[in-house]
Amino acid sequence: MPAAMRILLALGAVAVISALDANTAPRLIFTPFYGLVVGLVAWHVGRPQGLGVAVAAGLARLASELAWQAPDVFVAWNGVAWTAAFIALALVVGRARDNGEKVSTLEGRVSALIQVEHNFARTDALTSLCNRRSFIDALQQAEARSRRSGGALAIARLDIDNFHGLNETYSRADGDQLLRGVATSLSLTTRMGDLAARLDNDEFAILLYECSPEDAQRVGERLVAEVAELGRAYPEARTTASIGIACFASPGPDPDEMMRLAGSALRRARQAGGNAVVVEREWHPGAA
């Protein structure tokens, strides 16, 4: 309801209370009802509007009292006292309303800051991918879900070959630009539902759900080709990518072992000279 309509309704209520007060007083007292109207306006509309209605209520009450009592100093005193009381009530309720709005605003800002902090704590600032903490949490949940309902998992770990040389030959800004490019390739290459993350410096990881070793091999080869294409912008650095992938049947090993097996495949890709994909043999229950 618009504020103007609320004020009109409040003034109408004050007029009705005044009429009742004039026709029944002193047998019935309606004075507290003026205060109720003033308080409602000050809370739901605002302090200035509440003050206006408070003055109107004070005048209406004085008019109702004059309807059944001759004017004298006591009537004047009662009029001033009750008007002051209504004004004080409007000030108190209005201030409480303002403080409540300030508290709500602060709570909203705190919630927003907490959400931002939560996002920063789980997101890599440079690439906007998930960070290691977020990736490990997702891997633990995926492993637990796999134990309950089945389903294969694959973990790919990607390391940029000669990234240190790129930073030295060109600049750190160029290195950051390459990292952002690799992050974009990961996001575009992975399927919806898969999770890409930056683990540390120039190492990335992908959690692939329901992915066979053959599909994982194709994903890895596509990423190697894309990173090699990105590296063409830095010919003196000879930047490529090594990718190690470990595939797991359900139920798989614990998440730490999953990461270790993918890391082992990554080392083999590096030892092969880089710019290569190595897929660790599929792990299955009972495997050594």
C-alpha atoms as a PDB file:
ATOM      1  CA  MET A   1       0.000   0.000   0.000  1.00  0.00           C
ATOM      2  CA  PRO A   2       1.393   3.463  -0.875  1.00  0.00           C
ATOM      3  CA  ALA A   3       2.597   5.612   2.010  1.00  0.00           C
ATOM      4  CA  ALA A   4       0.077   8.364   1.198  1.00  0.00           C
ATOM      5  CA  MET A   5      -2.808   5.864   1.455  1.00  0.00           C
ATOM      6  CA  ARG A   6      -1.520   4.638   4.805  1.00  0.00           C
ATOM      7  CA  ILE A   7      -1.355   8.183   6.160  1.00  0.00           C
ATOM      8  CA  LEU A   8      -4.895   8.915   4.970  1.00  0.00           C
ATOM      9  CA  LEU A   9      -6.131   5.737   6.667  1.00  0.00           C
ATOM     10  CA  ALA A  10      -4.300   6.733   9.855  1.00  0.00           C
ATOM     11  CA  LEU A  11      -5.844  10.197   9.859  1.00  0.00           C
ATOM     12  CA  GLY A  12      -9.246   8.615   9.260  1.00  0.00           C
ATOM     13  CA  ALA A  13      -8.664   6.310  12.227  1.00  0.00           C
ATOM     14  CA  VAL A  14      -7.690   9.310  14.362  1.00  0.00           C
ATOM     15  CA  ALA A  15     -10.937  11.056  13.354  1.00  0.00           C
ATOM     16  CA  VAL A  16     -13.003   7.977  14.247  1.00  0.00           C
ATOM     17  CA  ILE A  17     -11.266   7.633  17.623  1.00  0.00           C
ATOM     18  CA  SER A  18     -11.829  11.341  18.289  1.00  0.00           C
ATOM     19  CA  ALA A  19     -15.534  11.015  17.520  1.00  0.00           C
ATOM     20  CA  LEU A  20     -15.861   8.012  19.837  1.00  0.00           C
ATOM     21  CA  ASP A  21     -13.879   9.809  22.502  1.00  0.00           C
ATOM     22  CA  ALA A  22     -16.110  12.896  22.266  1.00  0.00           C
ATOM     23  CA  ASN A  23     -19.315  10.860  22.550  1.00  0.00           C
ATOM     24  CA  THR A  24     -18.353   8.399  25.315  1.00  0.00           C
ATOM     25  CA  ALA A  25     -15.811  10.187  27.522  1.00  0.00           C
ATOM     26  CA  PRO A  26     -15.340  10.293  30.415  1.00  0.00           C
ATOM     27  CA  ARG A  27     -17.083   6.916  30.744  1.00  0.00           C
ATOM     28  CA  LEU A  28     -14.737   5.242  28.188  1.00  0.00           C
ATOM     29  CA  ILE A  29     -11.142   6.269  27.476  1.00  0.00           C
ATOM     30  CA  PHE A  30      -9.884   5.988  23.887  1.00  0.00           C
ATOM     31  CA  THR A  31      -6.608   7.865  24.364  1.00  0.00           C
ATOM     32  CA  PRO A  32      -4.343   4.751  24.096  1.00  0.00           C
ATOM     33  CA  PHE A  33      -5.748   4.090  20.615  1.00  0.00           C
ATOM     34  CA  TYR A  34      -4.286   7.383  19.386  1.00  0.00           C
ATOM     35  CA  GLY A  35      -0.900   6.123  20.478  1.00  0.00           C
ATOM     36  CA  LEU A  36      -1.475   2.839  18.645  1.00  0.00           C
ATOM     37  CA  VAL A  37      -2.156   4.665  15.363  1.00  0.00           C
ATOM     38  CA  VAL A  38       0.856   6.937  15.844  1.00  0.00           C
ATOM     39  CA  GLY A  39       3.137   3.966  16.544  1.00  0.00           C
ATOM     40  CA  LEU A  40       1.926   2.045  13.493  1.00  0.00           C
ATOM     41  CA  VAL A  41       2.507   5.011  11.178  1.00  0.00           C
ATOM     42  CA  ALA A  42       5.972   5.729  12.617  1.00  0.00           C
ATOM     43  CA  TRP A  43       6.986   2.065  12.179  1.00  0.00           C
ATOM     44  CA  HIS A  44       5.465   1.235   8.825  1.00  0.00           C
ATOM     45  CA  VAL A  45       5.726   4.610   7.054  1.00  0.00           C
ATOM     46  CA  GLY A  46       8.442   6.634   8.754  1.00  0.00           C
ATOM     47  CA  ARG A  47       9.348   8.964  11.580  1.00  0.00           C
ATOM     48  CA  PRO A  48       8.382  12.272   9.847  1.00  0.00           C
ATOM     49  CA  GLN A  49       4.956  10.905   8.929  1.00  0.00           C
ATOM     50  CA  GLY A  50       4.570   9.538  12.445  1.00  0.00           C
ATOM     51  CA  LEU A  51       5.281  12.986  13.883  1.00  0.00           C
ATOM     52  CA  GLY A  52       2.605  14.505  11.657  1.00  0.00           C
ATOM     53  CA  VAL A  53       0.031  11.966  12.761  1.00  0.00           C
ATOM     54  CA  ALA A  54       1.131  12.483  16.403  1.00  0.00           C
ATOM     55  CA  VAL A  55       0.319  16.195  16.179  1.00  0.00           C
ATOM     56  CA  ALA A  56      -2.993  15.385  14.500  1.00  0.00           C
ATOM     57  CA  ALA A  57      -3.780  12.861  17.234  1.00  0.00           C
ATOM     58  CA  GLY A  58      -2.975  15.402  19.944  1.00  0.00           C
ATOM     59  CA  LEU A  59      -5.271  18.001  18.360  1.00  0.00           C
ATOM     60  CA  ALA A  60      -8.034  15.411  17.807  1.00  0.00           C
ATOM     61  CA  ARG A  61      -7.857  14.326  21.412  1.00  0.00           C
ATOM     62  CA  LEU A  62      -8.016  17.945  22.592  1.00  0.00           C
ATOM     63  CA  ALA A  63     -11.035  18.548  20.371  1.00  0.00           C
ATOM     64  CA  SER A  64     -12.809  15.480  21.789  1.00  0.00           C
ATOM     65  CA  GLU A  65     -12.117  16.643  25.344  1.00  0.00           C
ATOM     66  CA  LEU A  66     -13.473  20.115  24.571  1.00  0.00           C
ATOM     67  CA  ALA A  67     -16.685  18.443  23.372  1.00  0.00           C
ATOM     68  CA  TRP A  68     -17.587  17.414  26.896  1.00  0.00           C
ATOM     69  CA  GLN A  69     -15.571  19.793  29.099  1.00  0.00           C
ATOM     70  CA  ALA A  70     -15.243  23.581  29.142  1.00  0.00           C
ATOM     71  CA  PRO A  71     -11.839  24.939  28.209  1.00  0.00           C
ATOM     72  CA  ASP A  72      -9.564  25.735  31.124  1.00  0.00           C
ATOM     73  CA  VAL A  73      -5.942  25.424  32.144  1.00  0.00           C
ATOM     74  CA  PHE A  74      -6.313  21.715  32.897  1.00  0.00           C
ATOM     75  CA  VAL A  75      -7.725  20.970  29.468  1.00  0.00           C
ATOM     76  CA  ALA A  76      -4.880  22.940  27.891  1.00  0.00           C
ATOM     77  CA  TRP A  77      -2.353  21.045  29.991  1.00  0.00           C
ATOM     78  CA  ASN A  78      -3.846  17.701  29.043  1.00  0.00           C
ATOM     79  CA  GLY A  79      -3.736  18.685  25.364  1.00  0.00           C
ATOM     80  CA  VAL A  80      -0.085  19.706  25.524  1.00  0.00           C
ATOM     81  CA  ALA A  81       0.937  16.686  27.615  1.00  0.00           C
ATOM     82  CA  TRP A  82      -0.781  14.116  25.409  1.00  0.00           C
ATOM     83  CA  THR A  83       0.500  15.737  22.220  1.00  0.00           C
ATOM     84  CA  ALA A  84       4.036  15.675  23.636  1.00  0.00           C
ATOM     85  CA  ALA A  85       3.542  12.019  24.583  1.00  0.00           C
ATOM     86  CA  PHE A  86       2.379  11.132  21.062  1.00  0.00           C
ATOM     87  CA  ILE A  87       5.328  13.001  19.541  1.00  0.00           C
ATOM     88  CA  ALA A  88       7.732  11.209  21.875  1.00  0.00           C
ATOM     89  CA  LEU A  89       6.175   7.887  20.904  1.00  0.00           C
ATOM     90  CA  ALA A  90       6.609   8.683  17.208  1.00  0.00           C
ATOM     91  CA  LEU A  91      10.266   9.620  17.796  1.00  0.00           C
ATOM     92  CA  VAL A  92      11.026   6.440  19.729  1.00  0.00           C
ATOM     93  CA  VAL A  93       9.248   4.113  17.292  1.00  0.00           C
ATOM     94  CA  GLY A  94      10.743   5.941  14.300  1.00  0.00           C
ATOM     95  CA  ARG A  95      14.249   5.628  15.713  1.00  0.00           C
ATOM     96  CA  ALA A  96      13.669   1.930  16.404  1.00  0.00           C
ATOM     97  CA  ARG A  97      12.544   1.525  12.792  1.00  0.00           C
ATOM     98  CA  ASP A  98      15.627   3.352  11.481  1.00  0.00           C
ATOM     99  CA  ASN A  99      17.916   1.251  13.676  1.00  0.00           C
ATOM    100  CA  GLY A 100      16.212  -1.897  12.487  1.00  0.00           C
ATOM    101  CA  GLU A 101      16.780  -0.910   8.855  1.00  0.00           C
ATOM    102  CA  LYS A 102      20.435  -0.163   9.601  1.00  0.00           C
ATOM    103  CA  VAL A 103      20.830  -3.544  11.270  1.00  0.00           C
ATOM    104  CA  SER A 104      19.188  -5.272   8.297  1.00  0.00           C
ATOM    105  CA  THR A 105      21.481  -3.410   5.895  1.00  0.00           C
ATOM    106  CA  LEU A 106      24.548  -4.362   7.922  1.00  0.00           C
ATOM    107  CA  GLU A 107      23.424  -7.981   8.091  1.00  0.00           C
ATOM    108  CA  GLY A 108      22.997  -7.983   4.318  1.00  0.00           C
ATOM    109  CA  ARG A 109      26.482  -6.556   3.832  1.00  0.00           C
ATOM    110  CA  VAL A 110      27.969  -9.064   6.252  1.00  0.00           C
ATOM    111  CA  SER A 111      26.242 -11.916   4.427  1.00  0.00           C
ATOM    112  CA  ALA A 112      27.555 -10.616   1.116  1.00  0.00           C
ATOM    113  CA  LEU A 113      31.085 -10.332   2.512  1.00  0.00           C
ATOM    114  CA  ILE A 114      30.878 -13.843   3.939  1.00  0.00           C
ATOM    115  CA  GLN A 115      29.773 -15.141   0.537  1.00  0.00           C
ATOM    116  CA  VAL A 116      32.626 -13.287  -1.185  1.00  0.00           C
ATOM    117  CA  GLU A 117      35.105 -14.676   1.346  1.00  0.00           C
ATOM    118  CA  HIS A 118      33.701 -18.165   0.834  1.00  0.00           C
ATOM    119  CA  ASN A 119      34.056 -17.817  -2.922  1.00  0.00           C
ATOM    120  CA  PHE A 120      37.631 -16.548  -2.638  1.00  0.00           C
ATOM    121  CA  ALA A 121      38.485 -19.381  -0.266  1.00  0.00           C
ATOM    122  CA  ARG A 122      37.383 -21.942  -2.866  1.00  0.00           C
ATOM    123  CA  THR A 123      38.244 -20.160  -6.124  1.00  0.00           C
ATOM    124  CA  ASP A 124      41.591 -19.450  -7.737  1.00  0.00           C
ATOM    125  CA  ALA A 125      41.881 -15.683  -8.095  1.00  0.00           C
ATOM    126  CA  LEU A 126      43.876 -15.730 -11.338  1.00  0.00           C
ATOM    127  CA  THR A 127      41.906 -18.241 -13.390  1.00  0.00           C
ATOM    128  CA  SER A 128      38.513 -18.266 -11.603  1.00  0.00           C
ATOM    129  CA  LEU A 129      38.695 -22.071 -11.524  1.00  0.00           C
ATOM    130  CA  CYS A 130      38.232 -24.069  -8.361  1.00  0.00           C
ATOM    131  CA  ASN A 131      41.291 -24.216  -6.141  1.00  0.00           C
ATOM    132  CA  ARG A 132      42.906 -27.310  -4.607  1.00  0.00           C
ATOM    133  CA  ARG A 133      40.718 -27.243  -1.506  1.00  0.00           C
ATOM    134  CA  SER A 134      37.507 -27.102  -3.534  1.00  0.00           C
ATOM    135  CA  PHE A 135      38.753 -29.824  -5.901  1.00  0.00           C
ATOM    136  CA  ILE A 136      39.665 -32.215  -3.070  1.00  0.00           C
ATOM    137  CA  ASP A 137      36.277 -31.633  -1.418  1.00  0.00           C
ATOM    138  CA  ALA A 138      34.524 -32.429  -4.713  1.00  0.00           C
ATOM    139  CA  LEU A 139      36.690 -35.522  -5.186  1.00  0.00           C
ATOM    140  CA  GLN A 140      35.833 -36.804  -1.707  1.00  0.00           C
ATOM    141  CA  GLN A 141      32.125 -36.322  -2.381  1.00  0.00           C
ATOM    142  CA  ALA A 142      32.403 -38.025  -5.768  1.00  0.00           C
ATOM    143  CA  GLU A 143      34.274 -40.973  -4.234  1.00  0.00           C
ATOM    144  CA  ALA A 144      31.643 -41.358  -1.511  1.00  0.00           C
ATOM    145  CA  ARG A 145      28.833 -41.176  -4.059  1.00  0.00           C
ATOM    146  CA  SER A 146      30.616 -43.723  -6.246  1.00  0.00           C
ATOM    147  CA  ARG A 147      30.815 -46.165  -3.338  1.00  0.00           C
ATOM    148  CA  ARG A 148      27.076 -45.845  -2.728  1.00  0.00           C
ATOM    149  CA  SER A 149      25.690 -45.887  -6.247  1.00  0.00           C
ATOM    150  CA  GLY A 150      28.542 -46.932  -8.504  1.00  0.00           C
ATOM    151  CA  GLY A 151      30.004 -45.102 -11.464  1.00  0.00           C
ATOM    152  CA  ALA A 152      33.466 -44.594 -12.888  1.00  0.00           C
ATOM    153  CA  LEU A 153      35.719 -41.638 -12.190  1.00  0.00           C
ATOM    154  CA  ALA A 154      38.804 -40.244 -13.871  1.00  0.00           C
ATOM    155  CA  ILE A 155      41.294 -37.664 -12.642  1.00  0.00           C
ATOM    156  CA  ALA A 156      43.479 -35.766 -15.085  1.00  0.00           C
ATOM    157  CA  ARG A 157      46.445 -33.738 -13.841  1.00  0.00           C
ATOM    158  CA  LEU A 158      47.977 -31.262 -16.268  1.00  0.00           C
ATOM    159  CA  ASP A 159      51.349 -29.576 -15.918  1.00  0.00           C
ATOM    160  CA  ILE A 160      52.694 -26.904 -18.294  1.00  0.00           C
ATOM    161  CA  ASP A 161      56.083 -27.875 -19.696  1.00  0.00           C
ATOM    162  CA  ASN A 162      58.845 -25.261 -19.361  1.00  0.00           C
ATOM    163  CA  PHE A 163      56.554 -22.780 -17.623  1.00  0.00           C
ATOM    164  CA  HIS A 164      59.477 -21.453 -15.573  1.00  0.00           C
ATOM    165  CA  GLY A 165      61.374 -20.818 -18.802  1.00  0.00           C
ATOM    166  CA  LEU A 166      58.411 -18.914 -20.221  1.00  0.00           C
ATOM    167  CA  ASN A 167      58.402 -16.577 -17.215  1.00  0.00           C
ATOM    168  CA  GLU A 168      62.136 -16.007 -17.555  1.00  0.00           C
ATOM    169  CA  THR A 169      62.201 -15.591 -21.338  1.00  0.00           C
ATOM    170  CA  TYR A 170      59.122 -13.392 -21.548  1.00  0.00           C
ATOM    171  CA  SER A 171      57.494 -12.060 -18.365  1.00  0.00           C
ATOM    172  CA  ARG A 172      55.362 -13.120 -15.462  1.00  0.00           C
ATOM    173  CA  ALA A 173      52.422 -11.284 -17.033  1.00  0.00           C
ATOM    174  CA  ASP A 174      52.787 -13.503 -20.100  1.00  0.00           C
ATOM    175  CA  GLY A 175      52.879 -16.526 -17.816  1.00  0.00           C
ATOM    176  CA  ASP A 176      49.656 -15.405 -16.144  1.00  0.00           C
ATOM    177  CA  GLN A 177      48.082 -14.885 -19.537  1.00  0.00           C
ATOM    178  CA  LEU A 178      48.968 -18.444 -20.546  1.00  0.00           C
ATOM    179  CA  LEU A 179      47.522 -19.804 -17.297  1.00  0.00           C
ATOM    180  CA  ARG A 180      44.258 -18.000 -17.986  1.00  0.00           C
ATOM    181  CA  GLY A 181      44.249 -19.398 -21.506  1.00  0.00           C
ATOM    182  CA  VAL A 182      44.770 -22.950 -20.227  1.00  0.00           C
ATOM    183  CA  ALA A 183      41.956 -22.424 -17.697  1.00  0.00           C
ATOM    184  CA  THR A 184      39.640 -21.342 -20.518  1.00  0.00           C
ATOM    185  CA  SER A 185      40.586 -24.436 -22.533  1.00  0.00           C
ATOM    186  CA  LEU A 186      39.850 -26.666 -19.566  1.00  0.00           C
ATOM    187  CA  SER A 187      36.444 -25.068 -19.064  1.00  0.00           C
ATOM    188  CA  LEU A 188      35.541 -25.403 -22.744  1.00  0.00           C
ATOM    189  CA  THR A 189      36.897 -28.930 -23.164  1.00  0.00           C
ATOM    190  CA  THR A 190      35.301 -30.567 -20.142  1.00  0.00           C
ATOM    191  CA  ARG A 191      31.707 -31.673 -20.210  1.00  0.00           C
ATOM    192  CA  MET A 192      28.999 -29.984 -18.195  1.00  0.00           C
ATOM    193  CA  GLY A 193      29.204 -31.439 -14.700  1.00  0.00           C
ATOM    194  CA  ASP A 194      32.938 -32.162 -14.799  1.00  0.00           C
ATOM    195  CA  LEU A 195      35.152 -30.028 -12.580  1.00  0.00           C
ATOM    196  CA  ALA A 196      38.334 -28.192 -13.561  1.00  0.00           C
ATOM    197  CA  ALA A 197      40.700 -26.714 -10.980  1.00  0.00           C
ATOM    198  CA  ARG A 198      44.068 -25.020 -10.651  1.00  0.00           C
ATOM    199  CA  LEU A 199      45.997 -26.972  -8.036  1.00  0.00           C
ATOM    200  CA  ASP A 200      49.196 -24.972  -7.762  1.00  0.00           C
ATOM    201  CA  ASN A 201      51.206 -22.586  -9.925  1.00  0.00           C
ATOM    202  CA  ASP A 202      51.153 -24.251 -13.389  1.00  0.00           C
ATOM    203  CA  GLU A 203      49.415 -27.495 -12.409  1.00  0.00           C
ATOM    204  CA  PHE A 204      45.736 -28.075 -13.167  1.00  0.00           C
ATOM    205  CA  ALA A 205      43.350 -30.950 -12.600  1.00  0.00           C
ATOM    206  CA  ILE A 206      40.048 -32.203 -13.989  1.00  0.00           C
ATOM    207  CA  LEU A 207      37.542 -34.490 -12.302  1.00  0.00           C
ATOM    208  CA  LEU A 208      35.752 -36.478 -14.999  1.00  0.00           C
ATOM    209  CA  TYR A 209      32.538 -38.287 -14.087  1.00  0.00           C
ATOM    210  CA  GLU A 210      31.437 -41.470 -15.866  1.00  0.00           C
ATOM    211  CA  CYS A 211      34.483 -41.311 -18.110  1.00  0.00           C
ATOM    212  CA  SER A 212      36.056 -44.397 -19.664  1.00  0.00           C
ATOM    213  CA  PRO A 213      39.827 -44.624 -20.223  1.00  0.00           C
ATOM    214  CA  GLU A 214      39.291 -44.173 -23.957  1.00  0.00           C
ATOM    215  CA  ASP A 215      37.248 -41.000 -23.435  1.00  0.00           C
ATOM    216  CA  ALA A 216      39.801 -39.738 -20.923  1.00  0.00           C
ATOM    217  CA  GLN A 217      42.566 -40.322 -23.479  1.00  0.00           C
ATOM    218  CA  ARG A 218      40.684 -38.248 -26.051  1.00  0.00           C
ATOM    219  CA  VAL A 219      40.130 -35.430 -23.549  1.00  0.00           C
ATOM    220  CA  GLY A 220      43.810 -35.433 -22.677  1.00  0.00           C
ATOM    221  CA  GLU A 221      44.934 -35.380 -26.310  1.00  0.00           C
ATOM    222  CA  ARG A 222      42.610 -32.488 -27.093  1.00  0.00           C
ATOM    223  CA  LEU A 223      43.978 -30.506 -24.152  1.00  0.00           C
ATOM    224  CA  VAL A 224      47.585 -31.206 -25.148  1.00  0.00           C
ATOM    225  CA  ALA A 225      46.820 -29.912 -28.643  1.00  0.00           C
ATOM    226  CA  GLU A 226      45.129 -26.779 -27.294  1.00  0.00           C
ATOM    227  CA  VAL A 227      47.965 -25.947 -24.899  1.00  0.00           C
ATOM    228  CA  ALA A 228      50.482 -26.458 -27.710  1.00  0.00           C
ATOM    229  CA  GLU A 229      48.459 -24.007 -29.797  1.00  0.00           C
ATOM    230  CA  LEU A 230      48.484 -21.495 -26.936  1.00  0.00           C
ATOM    231  CA  GLY A 231      52.240 -21.977 -26.631  1.00  0.00           C
ATOM    232  CA  ARG A 232      52.783 -20.864 -30.237  1.00  0.00           C
ATOM    233  CA  ALA A 233      52.462 -17.294 -28.971  1.00  0.00           C
ATOM    234  CA  TYR A 234      55.724 -17.843 -27.047  1.00  0.00           C
ATOM    235  CA  PRO A 235      57.988 -19.638 -29.553  1.00  0.00           C
ATOM    236  CA  GLU A 236      61.203 -19.141 -27.600  1.00  0.00           C
ATOM    237  CA  ALA A 237      59.770 -20.864 -24.529  1.00  0.00           C
ATOM    238  CA  ARG A 238      58.557 -24.032 -26.314  1.00  0.00           C
ATOM    239  CA  THR A 239      55.600 -24.336 -23.991  1.00  0.00           C
ATOM    240  CA  THR A 240      53.522 -27.520 -24.106  1.00  0.00           C
ATOM    241  CA  ALA A 241      51.614 -29.655 -21.600  1.00  0.00           C
ATOM    242  CA  SER A 242      52.028 -33.012 -19.899  1.00  0.00           C
ATOM    243  CA  ILE A 243      48.891 -34.800 -18.763  1.00  0.00           C
ATOM    244  CA  GLY A 244      48.543 -37.797 -16.506  1.00  0.00           C
ATOM    245  CA  ILE A 245      45.164 -39.487 -16.147  1.00  0.00           C
ATOM    246  CA  ALA A 246      44.036 -42.168 -13.725  1.00  0.00           C
ATOM    247  CA  CYS A 247      40.723 -43.971 -14.255  1.00  0.00           C
ATOM    248  CA  PHE A 248      38.841 -45.785 -11.519  1.00  0.00           C
ATOM    249  CA  ALA A 249      36.086 -48.326 -11.521  1.00  0.00           C
ATOM    250  CA  SER A 250      33.590 -48.301  -8.658  1.00  0.00           C
ATOM    251  CA  PRO A 251      34.401 -48.492  -5.847  1.00  0.00           C
ATOM    252  CA  GLY A 252      37.758 -46.779  -6.279  1.00  0.00           C
ATOM    253  CA  PRO A 253      40.527 -46.127  -3.771  1.00  0.00           C
ATOM    254  CA  ASP A 254      40.491 -43.224  -1.347  1.00  0.00           C
ATOM    255  CA  PRO A 255      40.908 -39.690  -2.787  1.00  0.00           C
ATOM    256  CA  ASP A 256      44.556 -39.398  -1.711  1.00  0.00           C
ATOM    257  CA  GLU A 257      45.408 -42.557  -3.621  1.00  0.00           C
ATOM    258  CA  MET A 258      43.473 -41.307  -6.623  1.00  0.00           C
ATOM    259  CA  MET A 259      45.528 -38.121  -6.678  1.00  0.00           C
ATOM    260  CA  ARG A 260      48.739 -40.110  -6.214  1.00  0.00           C
ATOM    261  CA  LEU A 261      47.974 -42.411  -9.156  1.00  0.00           C
ATOM    262  CA  ALA A 262      47.134 -39.438 -11.392  1.00  0.00           C
ATOM    263  CA  GLY A 263      50.360 -37.772 -10.259  1.00  0.00           C
ATOM    264  CA  SER A 264      52.288 -40.930 -11.127  1.00  0.00           C
ATOM    265  CA  ALA A 265      50.827 -40.843 -14.643  1.00  0.00           C
ATOM    266  CA  LEU A 266      51.772 -37.170 -14.901  1.00  0.00           C
ATOM    267  CA  ARG A 267      55.391 -37.949 -13.990  1.00  0.00           C
ATOM    268  CA  ARG A 268      55.523 -40.584 -16.691  1.00  0.00           C
ATOM    269  CA  ALA A 269      54.249 -38.041 -19.220  1.00  0.00           C
ATOM    270  CA  ARG A 270      56.983 -35.615 -18.177  1.00  0.00           C
ATOM    271  CA  GLN A 271      59.641 -38.302 -18.347  1.00  0.00           C
ATOM    272  CA  ALA A 272      58.500 -39.057 -21.875  1.00  0.00           C
ATOM    273  CA  GLY A 273      59.573 -35.538 -22.840  1.00  0.00           C
ATOM    274  CA  GLY A 274      56.330 -33.667 -22.270  1.00  0.00           C
ATOM    275  CA  ASN A 275      53.642 -32.727 -24.764  1.00  0.00           C
ATOM    276  CA  ALA A 276      52.146 -36.132 -24.051  1.00  0.00           C
ATOM    277  CA  VAL A 277      49.249 -37.917 -22.372  1.00  0.00           C
ATOM    278  CA  VAL A 278      49.685 -40.960 -20.149  1.00  0.00           C
ATOM    279  CA  VAL A 279      46.620 -42.833 -18.909  1.00  0.00           C
ATOM    280  CA  GLU A 280      47.191 -44.965 -15.835  1.00  0.00           C
ATOM    281  CA  ARG A 281      45.692 -48.419 -16.194  1.00  0.00           C
ATOM    282  CA  GLU A 282      42.189 -48.623 -14.874  1.00  0.00           C
ATOM    283  CA  TRP A 283      42.092 -49.281 -11.142  1.00  0.00           C
ATOM    284  CA  HIS A 284      39.578 -51.822  -9.911  1.00  0.00           C
ATOM    285  CA  PRO A 285      38.777 -53.390  -6.537  1.00  0.00           C
ATOM    286  CA  GLY A 286      41.511 -55.762  -5.515  1.00  0.00           C
ATOM    287  CA  ALA A 287      44.189 -54.087  -7.665  1.00  0.00           C
ATOM    288  CA  ALA A 288      47.606 -53.897  -6.081  1.00  0.00           C
END
